Amino acid sequence: MSIKNNIWVEKYRPSTLEDLIIPERVYNKFKGGKLNNHVLLHGSPGLGKTSLGKIIAKDMVSLEINCSLDTSVDNVRTRITEFCSNISILDGKKAQKVVLLDEFDGVSEQYLKAMRGVIEKFAGTTRFIATCNYIQKIPDNVQSRFDVIDFDFPKEEERDLMKKYLIRFNHICKQEGMTVEPKVMGAIVKKHFPDLRSTITFLQGMYEEGKTTITLDDLKSFTGENKELFEHLINSGESFIDLYTFAYKNYVNNEDNVFASLGKDFIDFLIGKGAESNKIGNIIVEVADYTYKSNFVIDKFVTLSACLQKIKKIVNE
């Protein structure tokens, strides 16, 4: 079985524009199928930015780069230059090329400067699609090269979009042979909304625990278990070895659910403790980054451990 089929986020990734659950204004911009300019897609994690980029690029000759994983400026510049310099033929015609720069906000200032030069150099032959969670990390002189598109949902669309999330959630449950009480399904979607990726990751985590039927008691139990982890994270007198030992004992093979909980429950926990807003913001960035990376590794616990260490460092700075 392929890695893609093992990871539900990839297994159920939309393959057409119509399958995406995105704001209507974003859908309308791309429904014609043409890419007339470079685009920078930004918004909260899990909204479908990467999926849209892949869908736009699938009928073109494309190069995909995960900027948070491939961090070598020289390597990326060389790959893009070689890709853009070669003439490609598709269906007997000279093909339009597209470069997808995923996680574009996870790079250095030097990286961004280099990419600005590359984009300018090949603007005549290649379109660039970049995705990011935090637009403020992209300098204005880089943003100016793109049509900047906000993926966050307007309030008036949330009700309709949540209904679509519930339909997608129910479909996945049926496909995987899971039974989830309607109230529980609503609670899970509401808890993670608008992050559909986090919702699917949470569901897979429960499935891998052997829970093919999920009740309200299961949700309450899971949240209670993680509160002990949260206390470990904010305990400044405890070493990381103690935290690692606790996590290893309790969360091996349950990493997906922990990542999902760190992205929502832990933030609520910190707010309740009166944590500084800048620390909360930094933790959200780190959790989003490590959650994404965890989808592409064999040993998820190593990635979770690195994430926990980073969080503990931020909390106790």
C-alpha atoms as a PDB file:
ATOM      1  CA  MET A   1       0.000   0.000   0.000  1.00  0.00           C
ATOM      2  CA  SER A   2       1.329   3.440  -0.913  1.00  0.00           C
ATOM      3  CA  ILE A   3       2.127   6.156   1.628  1.00  0.00           C
ATOM      4  CA  LYS A   4      -0.626   8.243   0.058  1.00  0.00           C
ATOM      5  CA  ASN A   5      -3.237   5.591   0.879  1.00  0.00           C
ATOM      6  CA  ASN A   6      -1.914   5.251   4.424  1.00  0.00           C
ATOM      7  CA  ILE A   7      -2.351   8.955   5.094  1.00  0.00           C
ATOM      8  CA  TRP A   8      -6.006   9.923   4.958  1.00  0.00           C
ATOM      9  CA  VAL A   9      -5.256  13.592   4.277  1.00  0.00           C
ATOM     10  CA  GLU A  10      -3.603  12.456   1.046  1.00  0.00           C
ATOM     11  CA  LYS A  11      -6.042   9.621   0.345  1.00  0.00           C
ATOM     12  CA  TYR A  12      -8.993  12.031   0.449  1.00  0.00           C
ATOM     13  CA  ARG A  13      -7.253  15.070  -1.022  1.00  0.00           C
ATOM     14  CA  PRO A  14      -9.614  16.670  -3.586  1.00  0.00           C
ATOM     15  CA  SER A  15      -8.570  16.111  -7.203  1.00  0.00           C
ATOM     16  CA  THR A  16     -10.863  18.658  -8.898  1.00  0.00           C
ATOM     17  CA  LEU A  17     -11.814  22.259  -8.233  1.00  0.00           C
ATOM     18  CA  GLU A  18     -15.410  21.164  -7.661  1.00  0.00           C
ATOM     19  CA  ASP A  19     -14.313  18.799  -4.864  1.00  0.00           C
ATOM     20  CA  LEU A  20     -12.637  21.592  -2.888  1.00  0.00           C
ATOM     21  CA  ILE A  21     -14.443  23.214   0.029  1.00  0.00           C
ATOM     22  CA  ILE A  22     -13.254  26.791  -0.423  1.00  0.00           C
ATOM     23  CA  PRO A  23     -14.746  30.315  -0.322  1.00  0.00           C
ATOM     24  CA  GLU A  24     -16.925  31.065  -3.352  1.00  0.00           C
ATOM     25  CA  ARG A  25     -14.804  34.065  -4.379  1.00  0.00           C
ATOM     26  CA  VAL A  26     -11.714  31.806  -4.576  1.00  0.00           C
ATOM     27  CA  TYR A  27     -13.598  29.164  -6.550  1.00  0.00           C
ATOM     28  CA  ASN A  28     -14.873  31.777  -9.023  1.00  0.00           C
ATOM     29  CA  LYS A  29     -11.365  33.098  -9.618  1.00  0.00           C
ATOM     30  CA  PHE A  30     -10.062  29.746 -10.822  1.00  0.00           C
ATOM     31  CA  LYS A  31     -13.100  28.026 -12.373  1.00  0.00           C
ATOM     32  CA  GLY A  32     -12.042  29.128 -15.851  1.00  0.00           C
ATOM     33  CA  GLY A  33      -8.943  26.964 -15.594  1.00  0.00           C
ATOM     34  CA  LYS A  34      -6.486  29.652 -16.715  1.00  0.00           C
ATOM     35  CA  LEU A  35      -3.536  30.941 -14.732  1.00  0.00           C
ATOM     36  CA  ASN A  36      -2.767  34.418 -16.038  1.00  0.00           C
ATOM     37  CA  ASN A  37      -0.449  35.519 -13.253  1.00  0.00           C
ATOM     38  CA  HIS A  38       1.577  34.216 -10.322  1.00  0.00           C
ATOM     39  CA  VAL A  39      -0.636  33.575  -7.273  1.00  0.00           C
ATOM     40  CA  LEU A  40       0.074  33.566  -3.539  1.00  0.00           C
ATOM     41  CA  LEU A  41      -2.553  31.609  -1.585  1.00  0.00           C
ATOM     42  CA  HIS A  42      -2.619  32.439   2.120  1.00  0.00           C
ATOM     43  CA  GLY A  43      -4.817  31.645   5.099  1.00  0.00           C
ATOM     44  CA  SER A  44      -5.132  29.407   8.150  1.00  0.00           C
ATOM     45  CA  PRO A  45      -3.736  25.839   8.022  1.00  0.00           C
ATOM     46  CA  GLY A  46      -5.879  23.075   6.548  1.00  0.00           C
ATOM     47  CA  LEU A  47      -8.109  25.188   4.276  1.00  0.00           C
ATOM     48  CA  GLY A  48      -7.112  23.609   0.950  1.00  0.00           C
ATOM     49  CA  LYS A  49      -4.404  25.961  -0.326  1.00  0.00           C
ATOM     50  CA  THR A  50      -2.004  23.164  -1.298  1.00  0.00           C
ATOM     51  CA  SER A  51      -4.831  21.124  -2.815  1.00  0.00           C
ATOM     52  CA  LEU A  52      -5.855  24.075  -4.986  1.00  0.00           C
ATOM     53  CA  GLY A  53      -2.249  24.580  -6.081  1.00  0.00           C
ATOM     54  CA  LYS A  54      -1.966  20.916  -7.081  1.00  0.00           C
ATOM     55  CA  ILE A  55      -5.270  21.031  -8.968  1.00  0.00           C
ATOM     56  CA  ILE A  56      -4.263  24.151 -10.907  1.00  0.00           C
ATOM     57  CA  ALA A  57      -0.898  22.609 -11.777  1.00  0.00           C
ATOM     58  CA  LYS A  58      -2.043  19.104 -12.731  1.00  0.00           C
ATOM     59  CA  ASP A  59      -2.832  19.936 -16.368  1.00  0.00           C
ATOM     60  CA  MET A  60       0.432  21.807 -16.866  1.00  0.00           C
ATOM     61  CA  VAL A  61       4.076  20.812 -16.785  1.00  0.00           C
ATOM     62  CA  SER A  62       4.828  21.356 -13.128  1.00  0.00           C
ATOM     63  CA  LEU A  63       7.514  21.321 -10.458  1.00  0.00           C
ATOM     64  CA  GLU A  64       6.481  21.077  -6.807  1.00  0.00           C
ATOM     65  CA  ILE A  65       8.753  22.223  -3.983  1.00  0.00           C
ATOM     66  CA  ASN A  66       7.999  21.995  -0.275  1.00  0.00           C
ATOM     67  CA  CYS A  67       9.922  25.031   0.927  1.00  0.00           C
ATOM     68  CA  SER A  68       9.835  24.055   4.602  1.00  0.00           C
ATOM     69  CA  LEU A  69      11.539  20.734   3.811  1.00  0.00           C
ATOM     70  CA  ASP A  70      13.822  21.740   0.927  1.00  0.00           C
ATOM     71  CA  THR A  71      15.569  24.685   2.574  1.00  0.00           C
ATOM     72  CA  SER A  72      18.751  24.857   0.465  1.00  0.00           C
ATOM     73  CA  VAL A  73      18.650  28.122  -1.487  1.00  0.00           C
ATOM     74  CA  ASP A  74      21.210  26.957  -4.061  1.00  0.00           C
ATOM     75  CA  ASN A  75      19.533  23.582  -4.543  1.00  0.00           C
ATOM     76  CA  VAL A  76      16.076  25.057  -5.079  1.00  0.00           C
ATOM     77  CA  ARG A  77      17.355  27.818  -7.357  1.00  0.00           C
ATOM     78  CA  THR A  78      19.189  25.236  -9.487  1.00  0.00           C
ATOM     79  CA  ARG A  79      16.132  22.955  -9.703  1.00  0.00           C
ATOM     80  CA  ILE A  80      13.823  25.788 -10.721  1.00  0.00           C
ATOM     81  CA  THR A  81      16.326  27.230 -13.212  1.00  0.00           C
ATOM     82  CA  GLU A  82      16.798  23.855 -14.906  1.00  0.00           C
ATOM     83  CA  PHE A  83      13.039  23.249 -14.969  1.00  0.00           C
ATOM     84  CA  CYS A  84      12.191  26.681 -16.386  1.00  0.00           C
ATOM     85  CA  SER A  85      15.012  26.679 -18.937  1.00  0.00           C
ATOM     86  CA  ASN A  86      13.896  23.512 -20.732  1.00  0.00           C
ATOM     87  CA  ILE A  87      11.158  23.668 -23.359  1.00  0.00           C
ATOM     88  CA  SER A  88       8.305  21.258 -22.621  1.00  0.00           C
ATOM     89  CA  ILE A  89       5.772  19.911 -25.095  1.00  0.00           C
ATOM     90  CA  LEU A  90       2.281  18.812 -24.023  1.00  0.00           C
ATOM     91  CA  ASP A  91      -0.234  17.443 -26.547  1.00  0.00           C
ATOM     92  CA  GLY A  92       2.018  18.585 -29.383  1.00  0.00           C
ATOM     93  CA  LYS A  93       2.165  22.187 -28.185  1.00  0.00           C
ATOM     94  CA  LYS A  94       4.607  24.205 -26.156  1.00  0.00           C
ATOM     95  CA  ALA A  95       3.346  23.762 -22.607  1.00  0.00           C
ATOM     96  CA  GLN A  96       2.812  26.351 -19.919  1.00  0.00           C
ATOM     97  CA  LYS A  97       4.953  25.599 -16.902  1.00  0.00           C
ATOM     98  CA  VAL A  98       4.084  26.119 -13.278  1.00  0.00           C
ATOM     99  CA  VAL A  99       6.167  25.931 -10.091  1.00  0.00           C
ATOM    100  CA  LEU A 100       4.310  25.208  -6.843  1.00  0.00           C
ATOM    101  CA  LEU A 101       6.125  26.667  -3.817  1.00  0.00           C
ATOM    102  CA  ASP A 102       4.370  25.087  -0.839  1.00  0.00           C
ATOM    103  CA  GLU A 103       4.874  26.412   2.727  1.00  0.00           C
ATOM    104  CA  PHE A 104       6.487  29.567   1.308  1.00  0.00           C
ATOM    105  CA  ASP A 105       6.394  31.309   4.693  1.00  0.00           C
ATOM    106  CA  GLY A 106       8.750  28.754   6.238  1.00  0.00           C
ATOM    107  CA  VAL A 107      11.899  30.044   4.537  1.00  0.00           C
ATOM    108  CA  SER A 108      14.730  32.458   5.281  1.00  0.00           C
ATOM    109  CA  GLU A 109      15.113  36.042   4.081  1.00  0.00           C
ATOM    110  CA  GLN A 110      17.924  34.881   1.779  1.00  0.00           C
ATOM    111  CA  TYR A 111      15.636  32.210   0.302  1.00  0.00           C
ATOM    112  CA  LEU A 112      12.884  34.764  -0.378  1.00  0.00           C
ATOM    113  CA  LYS A 113      15.351  37.146  -2.013  1.00  0.00           C
ATOM    114  CA  ALA A 114      16.622  34.362  -4.284  1.00  0.00           C
ATOM    115  CA  MET A 115      13.084  33.320  -5.230  1.00  0.00           C
ATOM    116  CA  ARG A 116      12.177  36.916  -6.104  1.00  0.00           C
ATOM    117  CA  GLY A 117      15.031  36.948  -8.609  1.00  0.00           C
ATOM    118  CA  VAL A 118      14.074  33.572 -10.078  1.00  0.00           C
ATOM    119  CA  ILE A 119      10.415  34.579 -10.443  1.00  0.00           C
ATOM    120  CA  GLU A 120      11.385  37.776 -12.253  1.00  0.00           C
ATOM    121  CA  LYS A 121      13.778  35.915 -14.558  1.00  0.00           C
ATOM    122  CA  PHE A 122      11.261  33.312 -15.730  1.00  0.00           C
ATOM    123  CA  ALA A 123       8.018  35.303 -15.529  1.00  0.00           C
ATOM    124  CA  GLY A 124       7.634  35.133 -19.314  1.00  0.00           C
ATOM    125  CA  THR A 125       7.542  31.323 -19.503  1.00  0.00           C
ATOM    126  CA  THR A 126       6.521  30.057 -16.084  1.00  0.00           C
ATOM    127  CA  ARG A 127       3.785  30.752 -13.545  1.00  0.00           C
ATOM    128  CA  PHE A 128       4.511  30.453  -9.833  1.00  0.00           C
ATOM    129  CA  ILE A 129       1.964  29.355  -7.222  1.00  0.00           C
ATOM    130  CA  ALA A 130       2.990  29.898  -3.604  1.00  0.00           C
ATOM    131  CA  THR A 131       1.112  28.877  -0.460  1.00  0.00           C
ATOM    132  CA  CYS A 132       1.567  30.165   3.062  1.00  0.00           C
ATOM    133  CA  ASN A 133      -0.231  30.251   6.398  1.00  0.00           C
ATOM    134  CA  TYR A 134       1.148  33.581   7.594  1.00  0.00           C
ATOM    135  CA  ILE A 135       1.184  36.299   4.955  1.00  0.00           C
ATOM    136  CA  GLN A 136       3.006  38.715   7.274  1.00  0.00           C
ATOM    137  CA  LYS A 137       6.125  36.567   6.863  1.00  0.00           C
ATOM    138  CA  ILE A 138       6.278  37.379   3.151  1.00  0.00           C
ATOM    139  CA  PRO A 139       7.869  40.798   2.461  1.00  0.00           C
ATOM    140  CA  ASP A 140       5.899  43.330   0.408  1.00  0.00           C
ATOM    141  CA  ASN A 141       8.496  43.297  -2.380  1.00  0.00           C
ATOM    142  CA  VAL A 142       7.872  39.548  -2.796  1.00  0.00           C
ATOM    143  CA  GLN A 143       4.083  39.761  -2.411  1.00  0.00           C
ATOM    144  CA  SER A 144       4.026  42.361  -5.184  1.00  0.00           C
ATOM    145  CA  ARG A 145       5.060  39.662  -7.702  1.00  0.00           C
ATOM    146  CA  PHE A 146       1.824  37.742  -7.046  1.00  0.00           C
ATOM    147  CA  ASP A 147      -1.933  38.031  -7.075  1.00  0.00           C
ATOM    148  CA  VAL A 148      -2.447  37.611  -3.317  1.00  0.00           C
ATOM    149  CA  ILE A 149      -5.537  35.530  -2.467  1.00  0.00           C
ATOM    150  CA  ASP A 150      -6.926  35.225   1.057  1.00  0.00           C
ATOM    151  CA  PHE A 151      -8.312  31.749   1.809  1.00  0.00           C
ATOM    152  CA  ASP A 152      -9.904  32.522   5.181  1.00  0.00           C
ATOM    153  CA  PHE A 153     -13.669  32.117   5.192  1.00  0.00           C
ATOM    154  CA  PRO A 154     -15.925  35.153   5.612  1.00  0.00           C
ATOM    155  CA  LYS A 155     -18.344  34.794   8.543  1.00  0.00           C
ATOM    156  CA  GLU A 156     -21.402  34.681   6.279  1.00  0.00           C
ATOM    157  CA  GLU A 157     -20.060  31.545   4.537  1.00  0.00           C
ATOM    158  CA  GLU A 158     -19.128  29.579   7.662  1.00  0.00           C
ATOM    159  CA  ARG A 159     -22.518  27.937   8.204  1.00  0.00           C
ATOM    160  CA  ASP A 160     -22.713  26.618   4.641  1.00  0.00           C
ATOM    161  CA  LEU A 161     -19.073  25.504   4.651  1.00  0.00           C
ATOM    162  CA  MET A 162     -19.497  23.655   7.944  1.00  0.00           C
ATOM    163  CA  LYS A 163     -22.370  21.685   6.389  1.00  0.00           C
ATOM    164  CA  LYS A 164     -20.067  20.721   3.523  1.00  0.00           C
ATOM    165  CA  TYR A 165     -17.400  19.683   6.054  1.00  0.00           C
ATOM    166  CA  LEU A 166     -19.944  17.412   7.762  1.00  0.00           C
ATOM    167  CA  ILE A 167     -20.843  15.803   4.429  1.00  0.00           C
ATOM    168  CA  ARG A 168     -17.140  15.186   3.656  1.00  0.00           C
ATOM    169  CA  PHE A 169     -16.542  13.854   7.185  1.00  0.00           C
ATOM    170  CA  ASN A 170     -19.505  11.481   6.889  1.00  0.00           C
ATOM    171  CA  HIS A 171     -18.245  10.240   3.514  1.00  0.00           C
ATOM    172  CA  ILE A 172     -14.815   9.411   4.948  1.00  0.00           C
ATOM    173  CA  CYS A 173     -16.378   7.588   7.905  1.00  0.00           C
ATOM    174  CA  LYS A 174     -18.453   5.429   5.560  1.00  0.00           C
ATOM    175  CA  GLN A 175     -15.452   4.689   3.343  1.00  0.00           C
ATOM    176  CA  GLU A 176     -13.380   3.603   6.351  1.00  0.00           C
ATOM    177  CA  GLY A 177     -16.155   1.625   8.036  1.00  0.00           C
ATOM    178  CA  MET A 178     -16.469   3.960  11.015  1.00  0.00           C
ATOM    179  CA  THR A 179     -19.568   4.832  12.990  1.00  0.00           C
ATOM    180  CA  VAL A 180     -19.725   8.291  14.549  1.00  0.00           C
ATOM    181  CA  GLU A 181     -22.759   9.597  16.410  1.00  0.00           C
ATOM    182  CA  PRO A 182     -24.224  12.699  14.669  1.00  0.00           C
ATOM    183  CA  LYS A 183     -23.665  14.896  17.745  1.00  0.00           C
ATOM    184  CA  VAL A 184     -20.085  13.684  17.986  1.00  0.00           C
ATOM    185  CA  MET A 185     -19.501  14.299  14.288  1.00  0.00           C
ATOM    186  CA  GLY A 186     -20.759  17.869  14.718  1.00  0.00           C
ATOM    187  CA  ALA A 187     -18.589  18.374  17.811  1.00  0.00           C
ATOM    188  CA  ILE A 188     -15.432  17.153  16.030  1.00  0.00           C
ATOM    189  CA  VAL A 189     -16.005  19.348  12.969  1.00  0.00           C
ATOM    190  CA  LYS A 190     -16.825  22.389  15.122  1.00  0.00           C
ATOM    191  CA  LYS A 191     -13.761  21.811  17.294  1.00  0.00           C
ATOM    192  CA  HIS A 192     -11.358  21.839  14.333  1.00  0.00           C
ATOM    193  CA  PHE A 193     -13.212  24.206  11.997  1.00  0.00           C
ATOM    194  CA  PRO A 194     -12.099  25.603   9.617  1.00  0.00           C
ATOM    195  CA  ASP A 195      -9.096  23.227   9.518  1.00  0.00           C
ATOM    196  CA  LEU A 196     -10.414  20.267   7.521  1.00  0.00           C
ATOM    197  CA  ARG A 197      -6.967  18.643   7.431  1.00  0.00           C
ATOM    198  CA  SER A 198      -6.844  18.582  11.232  1.00  0.00           C
ATOM    199  CA  THR A 199     -10.334  17.072  11.333  1.00  0.00           C
ATOM    200  CA  ILE A 200      -9.323  14.222   9.017  1.00  0.00           C
ATOM    201  CA  THR A 201      -6.068  13.678  10.930  1.00  0.00           C
ATOM    202  CA  PHE A 202      -8.001  13.426  14.198  1.00  0.00           C
ATOM    203  CA  LEU A 203     -10.394  10.896  12.676  1.00  0.00           C
ATOM    204  CA  GLN A 204      -7.541   8.739  11.387  1.00  0.00           C
ATOM    205  CA  GLY A 205      -5.881   8.866  14.791  1.00  0.00           C
ATOM    206  CA  MET A 206      -9.023   7.508  16.455  1.00  0.00           C
ATOM    207  CA  TYR A 207      -9.276   4.789  13.790  1.00  0.00           C
ATOM    208  CA  GLU A 208      -5.661   3.736  14.344  1.00  0.00           C
ATOM    209  CA  GLU A 209      -6.415   3.429  18.062  1.00  0.00           C
ATOM    210  CA  GLY A 210      -8.962   0.792  17.096  1.00  0.00           C
ATOM    211  CA  LYS A 211     -11.987   3.040  17.612  1.00  0.00           C
ATOM    212  CA  THR A 212     -14.291   2.319  14.662  1.00  0.00           C
ATOM    213  CA  THR A 213     -17.182   3.680  16.723  1.00  0.00           C
ATOM    214  CA  ILE A 214     -16.691   7.100  18.313  1.00  0.00           C
ATOM    215  CA  THR A 215     -18.959   8.319  21.111  1.00  0.00           C
ATOM    216  CA  LEU A 216     -19.117  11.509  23.130  1.00  0.00           C
ATOM    217  CA  ASP A 217     -17.394   9.686  26.004  1.00  0.00           C
ATOM    218  CA  ASP A 218     -14.442   8.920  23.716  1.00  0.00           C
ATOM    219  CA  LEU A 219     -14.019  12.625  22.978  1.00  0.00           C
ATOM    220  CA  LYS A 220     -14.220  13.599  26.636  1.00  0.00           C
ATOM    221  CA  SER A 221     -11.717  10.908  27.580  1.00  0.00           C
ATOM    222  CA  PHE A 222      -9.258  11.986  24.917  1.00  0.00           C
ATOM    223  CA  THR A 223      -9.393  15.656  25.925  1.00  0.00           C
ATOM    224  CA  GLY A 224      -8.865  14.741  29.565  1.00  0.00           C
ATOM    225  CA  GLU A 225      -5.814  12.617  28.772  1.00  0.00           C
ATOM    226  CA  ASN A 226      -4.156  15.446  26.913  1.00  0.00           C
ATOM    227  CA  LYS A 227      -4.583  17.938  29.743  1.00  0.00           C
ATOM    228  CA  GLU A 228      -1.898  16.007  31.594  1.00  0.00           C
ATOM    229  CA  LEU A 229       0.418  16.511  28.610  1.00  0.00           C
ATOM    230  CA  PHE A 230      -0.390  20.228  28.610  1.00  0.00           C
ATOM    231  CA  GLU A 231       0.633  20.498  32.251  1.00  0.00           C
ATOM    232  CA  HIS A 232       3.939  18.808  31.430  1.00  0.00           C
ATOM    233  CA  LEU A 233       4.562  21.340  28.642  1.00  0.00           C
ATOM    234  CA  ILE A 234       4.169  24.379  30.911  1.00  0.00           C
ATOM    235  CA  ASN A 235       6.059  22.919  33.881  1.00  0.00           C
ATOM    236  CA  SER A 236       9.304  24.926  33.865  1.00  0.00           C
ATOM    237  CA  GLY A 237      10.845  22.721  36.550  1.00  0.00           C
ATOM    238  CA  GLU A 238      10.598  19.572  34.465  1.00  0.00           C
ATOM    239  CA  SER A 239      13.310  18.502  32.032  1.00  0.00           C
ATOM    240  CA  PHE A 240      12.608  17.557  28.441  1.00  0.00           C
ATOM    241  CA  ILE A 241      13.678  13.987  29.278  1.00  0.00           C
ATOM    242  CA  ASP A 242      10.750  13.785  31.722  1.00  0.00           C
ATOM    243  CA  LEU A 243       8.399  15.124  29.048  1.00  0.00           C
ATOM    244  CA  TYR A 244       9.787  12.718  26.439  1.00  0.00           C
ATOM    245  CA  THR A 245       9.357   9.745  28.806  1.00  0.00           C
ATOM    246  CA  PHE A 246       5.747  10.712  29.535  1.00  0.00           C
ATOM    247  CA  ALA A 247       4.968  11.199  25.835  1.00  0.00           C
ATOM    248  CA  TYR A 248       6.615   7.924  24.823  1.00  0.00           C
ATOM    249  CA  LYS A 249       4.631   6.023  27.433  1.00  0.00           C
ATOM    250  CA  ASN A 250       1.294   7.529  26.426  1.00  0.00           C
ATOM    251  CA  TYR A 251       1.358   8.654  22.797  1.00  0.00           C
ATOM    252  CA  VAL A 252       3.342   6.241  20.609  1.00  0.00           C
ATOM    253  CA  ASN A 253       1.022   5.286  17.697  1.00  0.00           C
ATOM    254  CA  ASN A 254      -1.375   8.066  18.729  1.00  0.00           C
ATOM    255  CA  GLU A 255       0.608  10.985  17.336  1.00  0.00           C
ATOM    256  CA  ASP A 256      -2.080  12.245  14.931  1.00  0.00           C
ATOM    257  CA  ASN A 257      -4.540  12.878  17.735  1.00  0.00           C
ATOM    258  CA  VAL A 258      -1.902  14.656  19.809  1.00  0.00           C
ATOM    259  CA  PHE A 259      -1.046  16.978  16.915  1.00  0.00           C
ATOM    260  CA  ALA A 260      -4.747  17.716  16.448  1.00  0.00           C
ATOM    261  CA  SER A 261      -5.146  18.480  20.142  1.00  0.00           C
ATOM    262  CA  LEU A 262      -2.063  20.732  20.232  1.00  0.00           C
ATOM    263  CA  GLY A 263      -3.587  22.818  17.456  1.00  0.00           C
ATOM    264  CA  LYS A 264      -6.806  23.581  19.347  1.00  0.00           C
ATOM    265  CA  ASP A 265      -7.170  22.240  22.899  1.00  0.00           C
ATOM    266  CA  PHE A 266      -3.682  23.302  23.959  1.00  0.00           C
ATOM    267  CA  ILE A 267      -4.211  26.830  22.640  1.00  0.00           C
ATOM    268  CA  ASP A 268      -7.461  27.092  24.623  1.00  0.00           C
ATOM    269  CA  PHE A 269      -5.567  25.738  27.638  1.00  0.00           C
ATOM    270  CA  LEU A 270      -2.854  28.405  27.275  1.00  0.00           C
ATOM    271  CA  ILE A 271      -5.409  31.188  26.879  1.00  0.00           C
ATOM    272  CA  GLY A 272      -7.073  30.000  30.072  1.00  0.00           C
ATOM    273  CA  LYS A 273      -3.689  30.159  31.803  1.00  0.00           C
ATOM    274  CA  GLY A 274      -3.181  33.752  30.624  1.00  0.00           C
ATOM    275  CA  ALA A 275      -0.262  32.958  28.301  1.00  0.00           C
ATOM    276  CA  GLU A 276       1.287  35.811  26.315  1.00  0.00           C
ATOM    277  CA  SER A 277      -0.286  36.300  22.894  1.00  0.00           C
ATOM    278  CA  ASN A 278       3.069  36.343  21.065  1.00  0.00           C
ATOM    279  CA  LYS A 279       3.971  32.963  22.598  1.00  0.00           C
ATOM    280  CA  ILE A 280       0.614  31.520  21.564  1.00  0.00           C
ATOM    281  CA  GLY A 281       1.170  32.796  18.022  1.00  0.00           C
ATOM    282  CA  ASN A 282       4.644  31.240  17.858  1.00  0.00           C
ATOM    283  CA  ILE A 283       3.303  27.921  19.143  1.00  0.00           C
ATOM    284  CA  ILE A 284       0.537  27.878  16.511  1.00  0.00           C
ATOM    285  CA  VAL A 285       3.155  28.383  13.792  1.00  0.00           C
ATOM    286  CA  GLU A 286       5.311  25.536  15.116  1.00  0.00           C
ATOM    287  CA  VAL A 287       2.400  23.111  15.576  1.00  0.00           C
ATOM    288  CA  ALA A 288       1.162  23.788  12.042  1.00  0.00           C
ATOM    289  CA  ASP A 289       4.659  23.193  10.651  1.00  0.00           C
ATOM    290  CA  TYR A 290       5.336  19.974  12.562  1.00  0.00           C
ATOM    291  CA  THR A 291       1.829  18.616  11.895  1.00  0.00           C
ATOM    292  CA  TYR A 292       2.387  19.063   8.175  1.00  0.00           C
ATOM    293  CA  LYS A 293       5.832  17.417   8.325  1.00  0.00           C
ATOM    294  CA  SER A 294       4.438  14.459  10.274  1.00  0.00           C
ATOM    295  CA  ASN A 295       2.463  13.409   7.196  1.00  0.00           C
ATOM    296  CA  PHE A 296       5.666  12.556   5.328  1.00  0.00           C
ATOM    297  CA  VAL A 297       7.763  10.639   7.855  1.00  0.00           C
ATOM    298  CA  ILE A 298       7.918   7.000   8.880  1.00  0.00           C
ATOM    299  CA  ASP A 299       8.465   7.594  12.607  1.00  0.00           C
ATOM    300  CA  LYS A 300       5.870  10.173  13.651  1.00  0.00           C
ATOM    301  CA  PHE A 301       6.888  10.035  17.291  1.00  0.00           C
ATOM    302  CA  VAL A 302      10.275  11.596  16.504  1.00  0.00           C
ATOM    303  CA  THR A 303       8.480  14.492  14.803  1.00  0.00           C
ATOM    304  CA  LEU A 304       6.048  14.810  17.724  1.00  0.00           C
ATOM    305  CA  SER A 305       8.960  14.825  20.192  1.00  0.00           C
ATOM    306  CA  ALA A 306      10.669  17.633  18.276  1.00  0.00           C
ATOM    307  CA  CYS A 307       7.409  19.579  18.286  1.00  0.00           C
ATOM    308  CA  LEU A 308       6.939  19.122  22.040  1.00  0.00           C
ATOM    309  CA  GLN A 309      10.508  20.230  22.722  1.00  0.00           C
ATOM    310  CA  LYS A 310       9.985  23.359  20.629  1.00  0.00           C
ATOM    311  CA  ILE A 311       6.712  24.174  22.401  1.00  0.00           C
ATOM    312  CA  LYS A 312       8.239  23.684  25.837  1.00  0.00           C
ATOM    313  CA  LYS A 313      11.095  26.002  24.898  1.00  0.00           C
ATOM    314  CA  ILE A 314       8.688  28.727  23.703  1.00  0.00           C
ATOM    315  CA  VAL A 315       6.439  28.428  26.775  1.00  0.00           C
ATOM    316  CA  ASN A 316       9.336  28.693  29.214  1.00  0.00           C
ATOM    317  CA  GLU A 317      11.362  31.416  27.487  1.00  0.00           C
END
